[in-house]
Each structure stands twice: as C-alpha cells, then as structure tokens.
C-alpha atoms as a PDB file:
ATOM      1  CA  MET A   1       4.017  -3.189  17.806  1.00  0.00           C
ATOM      2  CA  VAL A   2       2.459  -2.484  14.415  1.00  0.00           C
ATOM      3  CA  THR A   3       0.620  -5.379  12.789  1.00  0.00           C
ATOM      4  CA  PRO A   4      -0.120  -6.026   9.117  1.00  0.00           C
ATOM      5  CA  GLU A   5      -3.789  -5.407   9.959  1.00  0.00           C
ATOM      6  CA  ASP A   6      -2.909  -1.926  11.291  1.00  0.00           C
ATOM      7  CA  ILE A   7      -1.166  -0.964   8.068  1.00  0.00           C
ATOM      8  CA  LYS A   8      -3.963  -2.466   5.969  1.00  0.00           C
ATOM      9  CA  GLY A   9      -6.524  -0.375   7.848  1.00  0.00           C
ATOM     10  CA  TRP A  10      -4.508   2.836   7.519  1.00  0.00           C
ATOM     11  CA  ILE A  11      -4.088   2.370   3.764  1.00  0.00           C
ATOM     12  CA  GLU A  12      -7.725   1.408   3.223  1.00  0.00           C
ATOM     13  CA  ALA A  13      -8.828   4.489   5.180  1.00  0.00           C
ATOM     14  CA  GLY A  14      -6.717   6.749   2.978  1.00  0.00           C
ATOM     15  CA  LEU A  15      -7.149   5.307  -0.513  1.00  0.00           C
ATOM     16  CA  GLU A  16     -10.609   5.099  -1.975  1.00  0.00           C
ATOM     17  CA  ASP A  17     -11.896   1.692  -3.107  1.00  0.00           C
ATOM     18  CA  CYS A  18      -8.577  -0.129  -2.659  1.00  0.00           C
ATOM     19  CA  GLN A  19      -7.624  -3.739  -2.055  1.00  0.00           C
ATOM     20  CA  VAL A  20      -4.700  -4.335   0.291  1.00  0.00           C
ATOM     21  CA  GLU A  21      -2.788  -7.487   1.163  1.00  0.00           C
ATOM     22  CA  ILE A  22      -0.051  -7.129   3.807  1.00  0.00           C
ATOM     23  CA  ASP A  23       2.339  -9.606   5.316  1.00  0.00           C
ATOM     24  CA  GLY A  24       5.004  -8.878   7.886  1.00  0.00           C
ATOM     25  CA  ASP A  25       6.722  -9.654  11.144  1.00  0.00           C
ATOM     26  CA  GLY A  26       6.184  -6.391  13.037  1.00  0.00           C
ATOM     27  CA  HIS A  27       9.296  -4.720  11.609  1.00  0.00           C
ATOM     28  CA  HIS A  28       9.384  -5.576   7.896  1.00  0.00           C
ATOM     29  CA  PHE A  29       6.233  -5.582   5.780  1.00  0.00           C
ATOM     30  CA  GLU A  30       5.328  -6.459   2.199  1.00  0.00           C
ATOM     31  CA  ALA A  31       2.188  -5.053   0.607  1.00  0.00           C
ATOM     32  CA  VAL A  32       0.226  -5.484  -2.598  1.00  0.00           C
ATOM     33  CA  ILE A  33      -2.087  -2.518  -3.077  1.00  0.00           C
ATOM     34  CA  VAL A  34      -4.653  -2.172  -5.868  1.00  0.00           C
ATOM     35  CA  SER A  35      -6.385   1.194  -6.246  1.00  0.00           C
ATOM     36  CA  PRO A  36      -8.101   3.134  -9.018  1.00  0.00           C
ATOM     37  CA  GLU A  37      -6.202   6.170  -7.702  1.00  0.00           C
ATOM     38  CA  PHE A  38      -3.052   4.621  -9.240  1.00  0.00           C
ATOM     39  CA  THR A  39      -4.436   4.655 -12.795  1.00  0.00           C
ATOM     40  CA  GLY A  40      -2.244   6.720 -15.103  1.00  0.00           C
ATOM     41  CA  LYS A  41       0.372   7.420 -12.419  1.00  0.00           C
ATOM     42  CA  SER A  42       4.005   6.331 -12.431  1.00  0.00           C
ATOM     43  CA  ARG A  43       5.186   3.773  -9.852  1.00  0.00           C
ATOM     44  CA  ILE A  44       6.900   6.575  -7.973  1.00  0.00           C
ATOM     45  CA  ALA A  45       3.701   8.639  -7.860  1.00  0.00           C
ATOM     46  CA  GLN A  46       1.750   5.563  -6.715  1.00  0.00           C
ATOM     47  CA  HIS A  47       4.195   4.911  -3.890  1.00  0.00           C
ATOM     48  CA  GLN A  48       4.126   8.591  -2.920  1.00  0.00           C
ATOM     49  CA  LEU A  49       0.339   8.345  -2.546  1.00  0.00           C
ATOM     50  CA  VAL A  50       0.751   5.441  -0.131  1.00  0.00           C
ATOM     51  CA  TYR A  51       3.520   7.213   1.794  1.00  0.00           C
ATOM     52  CA  GLY A  52       1.264  10.268   2.013  1.00  0.00           C
ATOM     53  CA  VAL A  53      -1.533   8.172   3.475  1.00  0.00           C
ATOM     54  CA  LEU A  54       0.797   6.621   6.045  1.00  0.00           C
ATOM     55  CA  GLY A  55       2.422   9.968   6.889  1.00  0.00           C
ATOM     56  CA  ASP A  56       4.489  10.016  10.079  1.00  0.00           C
ATOM     57  CA  LYS A  57       3.795   6.322  10.672  1.00  0.00           C
ATOM     58  CA  MET A  58       6.507   5.622   8.083  1.00  0.00           C
ATOM     59  CA  LYS A  59       9.024   7.391  10.307  1.00  0.00           C
ATOM     60  CA  ALA A  60       7.918   6.127  13.704  1.00  0.00           C
ATOM     61  CA  ALA A  61       5.876   2.927  13.537  1.00  0.00           C
ATOM     62  CA  ILE A  62       6.775   1.216  10.261  1.00  0.00           C
ATOM     63  CA  HIS A  63      10.435   0.320   9.903  1.00  0.00           C
ATOM     64  CA  ALA A  64      10.372  -1.173   6.396  1.00  0.00           C
ATOM     65  CA  LEU A  65       7.584  -1.422   3.827  1.00  0.00           C
ATOM     66  CA  SER A  66       8.055  -3.036   0.443  1.00  0.00           C
ATOM     67  CA  MET A  67       5.082  -2.508  -1.816  1.00  0.00           C
ATOM     68  CA  LYS A  68       3.721  -3.483  -5.170  1.00  0.00           C
ATOM     69  CA  THR A  69       1.141  -0.983  -6.385  1.00  0.00           C
ATOM     70  CA  LEU A  70      -1.270  -1.685  -9.226  1.00  0.00           C
ATOM     71  CA  SER A  71      -4.230  -0.041 -10.886  1.00  0.00           C
ATOM     72  CA  PRO A  72      -7.293  -2.306 -11.206  1.00  0.00           C
ATOM     73  CA  GLU A  73      -6.467  -2.755 -14.907  1.00  0.00           C
ATOM     74  CA  GLU A  74      -2.891  -3.805 -14.158  1.00  0.00           C
ATOM     75  CA  HIS A  75      -4.125  -6.175 -11.474  1.00  0.00           C
ATOM     76  CA  ALA A  76      -6.660  -7.768 -13.854  1.00  0.00           C
ATOM     77  CA  ALA A  77      -3.977  -8.207 -16.536  1.00  0.00           C
ATOM     78  CA  ALA A  78      -1.641  -9.836 -13.999  1.00  0.00           C
ATOM     79  CA  GLN A  79      -4.373 -12.340 -13.085  1.00  0.00           C
ATOM     80  CA  ASP A  80      -4.752 -13.566 -16.689  1.00  0.00           C
END
C-alpha cells in the first residue's frame, strides 16, 4: 500500500527544491506542494508537472490525489 511518505519522496525526487506536505489513508491523498518550478505557470500546468513526476504511479498505485500547488511567492503571500 502506498503511504503519504512514498508520494512525498517521489514528488521531492522529481521537483527541484520543493516542499511537500501529504496526508492520506492509503487510497485518497491530499497534498500541498510548493516549488519554484511552478512560478509563472497556470494551475493546470503546475498539476501536469506533478502528474509527470508521478507518471504511471497515478494509474497503478495512487487512486486519488487532491493537490494544492503554489510557487514560493504564492506560499509566502498565503502565510501573511
């Protein structure tokens, strides 16, 4: 069974200098992902980057992944 730590590791290995928080029950997961690679990209493009990193794991191992993606600037603004 896939754990939140598995998904966190896969995303961190594929996105440079990112911060990842994942919660889930083995079937459904929620993620907050902050990466400079998201800067200037639409939400759809950001999510596509994450899906690209996860590749076939999205079809086989991960049943449902809800994510919030943010650039470092967006994350800093949300913290204020």
